[in-house]
């Protein structure tokens, strides 16, 4: 996943990559499909848009993550026709995926709170 520059100001160089903690992409994918099934490109776009154009998920990271989540039983896939009349694989949360989303969200919030406390310490 790349961290890209928001419109109007430069955060990082265009070629810079920021490593996110392991499991972060999985959490973002689970959250992106929590409301409704989506195909891969739509998942990537949703993450990009909701993050204010900061997070950009490359296909080389997205599809292996989707397959990993499928193997864990957290998402399931089915073929359907997209809005532009093309066959696409749609991904949706399973019951286990909803549980994992709740657990992973709580863990993420705990981690970011702890890191914030450390960073705010003089």
C-alpha atoms as a PDB file:
ATOM      1  CA  UNK A   1       0.000   0.000   0.000  1.00  0.00           C
ATOM      2  CA  UNK A   2       1.299   3.429  -0.831  1.00  0.00           C
ATOM      3  CA  UNK A   3       0.847   6.598   1.128  1.00  0.00           C
ATOM      4  CA  UNK A   4       0.213   9.248  -1.479  1.00  0.00           C
ATOM      5  CA  UNK A   5       0.146  13.006  -1.256  1.00  0.00           C
ATOM      6  CA  UNK A   6      -3.153  14.699  -0.558  1.00  0.00           C
ATOM      7  CA  UNK A   7      -4.220  17.442  -2.928  1.00  0.00           C
ATOM      8  CA  UNK A   8      -2.550  20.749  -2.228  1.00  0.00           C
ATOM      9  CA  UNK A   9       0.386  19.600  -0.126  1.00  0.00           C
ATOM     10  CA  UNK A  10       3.176  17.117  -0.389  1.00  0.00           C
ATOM     11  CA  UNK A  11       3.370  14.480   2.319  1.00  0.00           C
ATOM     12  CA  UNK A  12       5.923  12.097   0.839  1.00  0.00           C
ATOM     13  CA  UNK A  13       7.704  11.677  -2.438  1.00  0.00           C
ATOM     14  CA  UNK A  14       5.685   9.981  -5.173  1.00  0.00           C
ATOM     15  CA  UNK A  15       7.902   6.906  -5.013  1.00  0.00           C
ATOM     16  CA  UNK A  16       7.978   6.613  -1.200  1.00  0.00           C
ATOM     17  CA  UNK A  17       6.479   3.530   0.373  1.00  0.00           C
ATOM     18  CA  UNK A  18       5.409   3.363   3.958  1.00  0.00           C
ATOM     19  CA  UNK A  19       5.175  -0.024   5.595  1.00  0.00           C
ATOM     20  CA  UNK A  20       2.020  -0.379   7.633  1.00  0.00           C
ATOM     21  CA  UNK A  21       1.801  -2.851  10.507  1.00  0.00           C
ATOM     22  CA  UNK A  22       1.000  -6.388   9.394  1.00  0.00           C
ATOM     23  CA  UNK A  23      -2.735  -6.928   9.165  1.00  0.00           C
ATOM     24  CA  UNK A  24      -3.596  -3.284   8.492  1.00  0.00           C
ATOM     25  CA  UNK A  25      -4.563  -3.901   4.867  1.00  0.00           C
ATOM     26  CA  UNK A  26      -6.763  -6.803   5.949  1.00  0.00           C
ATOM     27  CA  UNK A  27      -8.559  -4.520   8.406  1.00  0.00           C
ATOM     28  CA  UNK A  28      -9.065  -1.829   5.749  1.00  0.00           C
ATOM     29  CA  UNK A  29     -10.484  -4.363   3.294  1.00  0.00           C
ATOM     30  CA  UNK A  30     -12.870  -5.791   5.888  1.00  0.00           C
ATOM     31  CA  UNK A  31     -14.077  -2.284   6.706  1.00  0.00           C
ATOM     32  CA  UNK A  32     -14.441  -1.357   3.023  1.00  0.00           C
ATOM     33  CA  UNK A  33     -16.812  -4.248   2.364  1.00  0.00           C
ATOM     34  CA  UNK A  34     -18.677  -4.097   5.685  1.00  0.00           C
ATOM     35  CA  UNK A  35     -21.664  -2.255   4.179  1.00  0.00           C
ATOM     36  CA  UNK A  36     -22.044  -4.148   0.929  1.00  0.00           C
ATOM     37  CA  UNK A  37     -20.234  -6.579  -1.378  1.00  0.00           C
ATOM     38  CA  UNK A  38     -17.713  -4.922  -3.682  1.00  0.00           C
ATOM     39  CA  UNK A  39     -15.308  -5.971  -6.401  1.00  0.00           C
ATOM     40  CA  UNK A  40     -11.572  -5.465  -6.092  1.00  0.00           C
ATOM     41  CA  UNK A  41     -11.286  -2.149  -7.912  1.00  0.00           C
ATOM     42  CA  UNK A  42     -14.187  -0.703  -5.888  1.00  0.00           C
ATOM     43  CA  UNK A  43     -12.530  -1.815  -2.635  1.00  0.00           C
ATOM     44  CA  UNK A  44      -9.317  -0.085  -3.635  1.00  0.00           C
ATOM     45  CA  UNK A  45     -11.182   3.082  -4.649  1.00  0.00           C
ATOM     46  CA  UNK A  46     -13.219   3.146  -1.434  1.00  0.00           C
ATOM     47  CA  UNK A  47     -10.074   2.952   0.713  1.00  0.00           C
ATOM     48  CA  UNK A  48      -8.449   5.668  -1.405  1.00  0.00           C
ATOM     49  CA  UNK A  49     -11.458   8.000  -1.232  1.00  0.00           C
ATOM     50  CA  UNK A  50     -12.296   7.546   2.452  1.00  0.00           C
ATOM     51  CA  UNK A  51      -8.660   8.086   3.424  1.00  0.00           C
ATOM     52  CA  UNK A  52      -8.750  11.495   1.737  1.00  0.00           C
ATOM     53  CA  UNK A  53      -6.598  10.266  -1.159  1.00  0.00           C
ATOM     54  CA  UNK A  54      -3.795   9.295   1.244  1.00  0.00           C
ATOM     55  CA  UNK A  55      -3.940   5.487   1.066  1.00  0.00           C
ATOM     56  CA  UNK A  56      -3.616   3.820  -2.294  1.00  0.00           C
ATOM     57  CA  UNK A  57      -3.835   0.034  -2.475  1.00  0.00           C
ATOM     58  CA  UNK A  58      -1.957  -1.472  -5.385  1.00  0.00           C
ATOM     59  CA  UNK A  59      -3.357  -4.563  -7.133  1.00  0.00           C
ATOM     60  CA  UNK A  60      -0.210  -6.465  -6.202  1.00  0.00           C
ATOM     61  CA  UNK A  61      -1.139  -6.036  -2.534  1.00  0.00           C
ATOM     62  CA  UNK A  62      -4.927  -6.100  -2.798  1.00  0.00           C
ATOM     63  CA  UNK A  63      -5.561  -9.434  -4.496  1.00  0.00           C
ATOM     64  CA  UNK A  64      -3.187 -11.504  -2.336  1.00  0.00           C
ATOM     65  CA  UNK A  65      -4.876  -9.943   0.721  1.00  0.00           C
ATOM     66  CA  UNK A  66      -8.332 -10.795  -0.634  1.00  0.00           C
ATOM     67  CA  UNK A  67      -7.251 -14.398  -1.213  1.00  0.00           C
ATOM     68  CA  UNK A  68      -5.753 -14.562   2.287  1.00  0.00           C
ATOM     69  CA  UNK A  69      -9.019 -13.286   3.807  1.00  0.00           C
ATOM     70  CA  UNK A  70     -10.959 -15.859   1.785  1.00  0.00           C
ATOM     71  CA  UNK A  71      -8.724 -18.681   3.060  1.00  0.00           C
ATOM     72  CA  UNK A  72      -9.334 -17.505   6.634  1.00  0.00           C
ATOM     73  CA  UNK A  73     -13.077 -17.627   6.019  1.00  0.00           C
ATOM     74  CA  UNK A  74     -13.509 -13.906   6.744  1.00  0.00           C
ATOM     75  CA  UNK A  75     -14.828 -13.068   3.276  1.00  0.00           C
ATOM     76  CA  UNK A  76     -16.517 -14.981   0.486  1.00  0.00           C
ATOM     77  CA  UNK A  77     -16.517 -14.246  -3.210  1.00  0.00           C
ATOM     78  CA  UNK A  78     -19.067 -14.643  -5.961  1.00  0.00           C
ATOM     79  CA  UNK A  79     -19.169 -13.652  -9.614  1.00  0.00           C
ATOM     80  CA  UNK A  80     -21.621 -10.978 -10.775  1.00  0.00           C
ATOM     81  CA  UNK A  81     -21.901  -8.232 -13.381  1.00  0.00           C
ATOM     82  CA  UNK A  82     -20.482  -4.825 -12.455  1.00  0.00           C
ATOM     83  CA  UNK A  83     -22.036  -1.419 -13.111  1.00  0.00           C
ATOM     84  CA  UNK A  84     -20.119  -1.200 -16.391  1.00  0.00           C
ATOM     85  CA  UNK A  85     -21.579  -4.546 -17.514  1.00  0.00           C
ATOM     86  CA  UNK A  86     -18.439  -6.649 -16.953  1.00  0.00           C
ATOM     87  CA  UNK A  87     -18.044  -9.846 -14.993  1.00  0.00           C
ATOM     88  CA  UNK A  88     -16.417  -9.149 -11.660  1.00  0.00           C
ATOM     89  CA  UNK A  89     -15.711 -11.068  -8.491  1.00  0.00           C
ATOM     90  CA  UNK A  90     -17.570  -9.508  -5.566  1.00  0.00           C
ATOM     91  CA  UNK A  91     -16.348  -9.929  -2.012  1.00  0.00           C
ATOM     92  CA  UNK A  92     -18.493  -9.819   1.112  1.00  0.00           C
ATOM     93  CA  UNK A  93     -17.981 -10.392   4.820  1.00  0.00           C
ATOM     94  CA  UNK A  94     -18.884 -13.688   6.410  1.00  0.00           C
ATOM     95  CA  UNK A  95     -20.122 -13.938   9.989  1.00  0.00           C
ATOM     96  CA  UNK A  96     -16.552 -14.794  11.022  1.00  0.00           C
ATOM     97  CA  UNK A  97     -15.371 -11.737   9.050  1.00  0.00           C
ATOM     98  CA  UNK A  98     -17.730  -9.447  10.978  1.00  0.00           C
ATOM     99  CA  UNK A  99     -16.377 -10.847  14.226  1.00  0.00           C
ATOM    100  CA  UNK A 100     -12.795 -10.410  12.998  1.00  0.00           C
ATOM    101  CA  UNK A 101     -13.552  -6.832  11.924  1.00  0.00           C
ATOM    102  CA  UNK A 102     -14.743  -5.997  15.441  1.00  0.00           C
ATOM    103  CA  UNK A 103     -11.746  -7.652  17.060  1.00  0.00           C
ATOM    104  CA  UNK A 104      -9.231  -6.145  14.643  1.00  0.00           C
ATOM    105  CA  UNK A 105     -10.757  -2.679  15.027  1.00  0.00           C
ATOM    106  CA  UNK A 106     -10.484  -2.888  18.816  1.00  0.00           C
ATOM    107  CA  UNK A 107      -6.865  -4.090  18.562  1.00  0.00           C
ATOM    108  CA  UNK A 108      -6.001  -1.289  16.110  1.00  0.00           C
ATOM    109  CA  UNK A 109      -7.535   1.366  18.376  1.00  0.00           C
ATOM    110  CA  UNK A 110      -5.632  -0.021  21.365  1.00  0.00           C
ATOM    111  CA  UNK A 111      -2.359  -0.032  19.414  1.00  0.00           C
ATOM    112  CA  UNK A 112      -2.768   3.502  18.049  1.00  0.00           C
ATOM    113  CA  UNK A 113      -3.748   4.788  21.492  1.00  0.00           C
ATOM    114  CA  UNK A 114      -0.620   3.254  23.043  1.00  0.00           C
ATOM    115  CA  UNK A 115       1.624   4.633  20.282  1.00  0.00           C
ATOM    116  CA  UNK A 116      -0.024   8.054  20.662  1.00  0.00           C
ATOM    117  CA  UNK A 117       0.687   8.044  24.387  1.00  0.00           C
ATOM    118  CA  UNK A 118       4.345   7.241  23.735  1.00  0.00           C
ATOM    119  CA  UNK A 119       4.682   9.905  21.052  1.00  0.00           C
ATOM    120  CA  UNK A 120       3.059  12.534  23.255  1.00  0.00           C
ATOM    121  CA  UNK A 121       5.421  11.850  26.164  1.00  0.00           C
ATOM    122  CA  UNK A 122       8.078  14.562  26.453  1.00  0.00           C
END
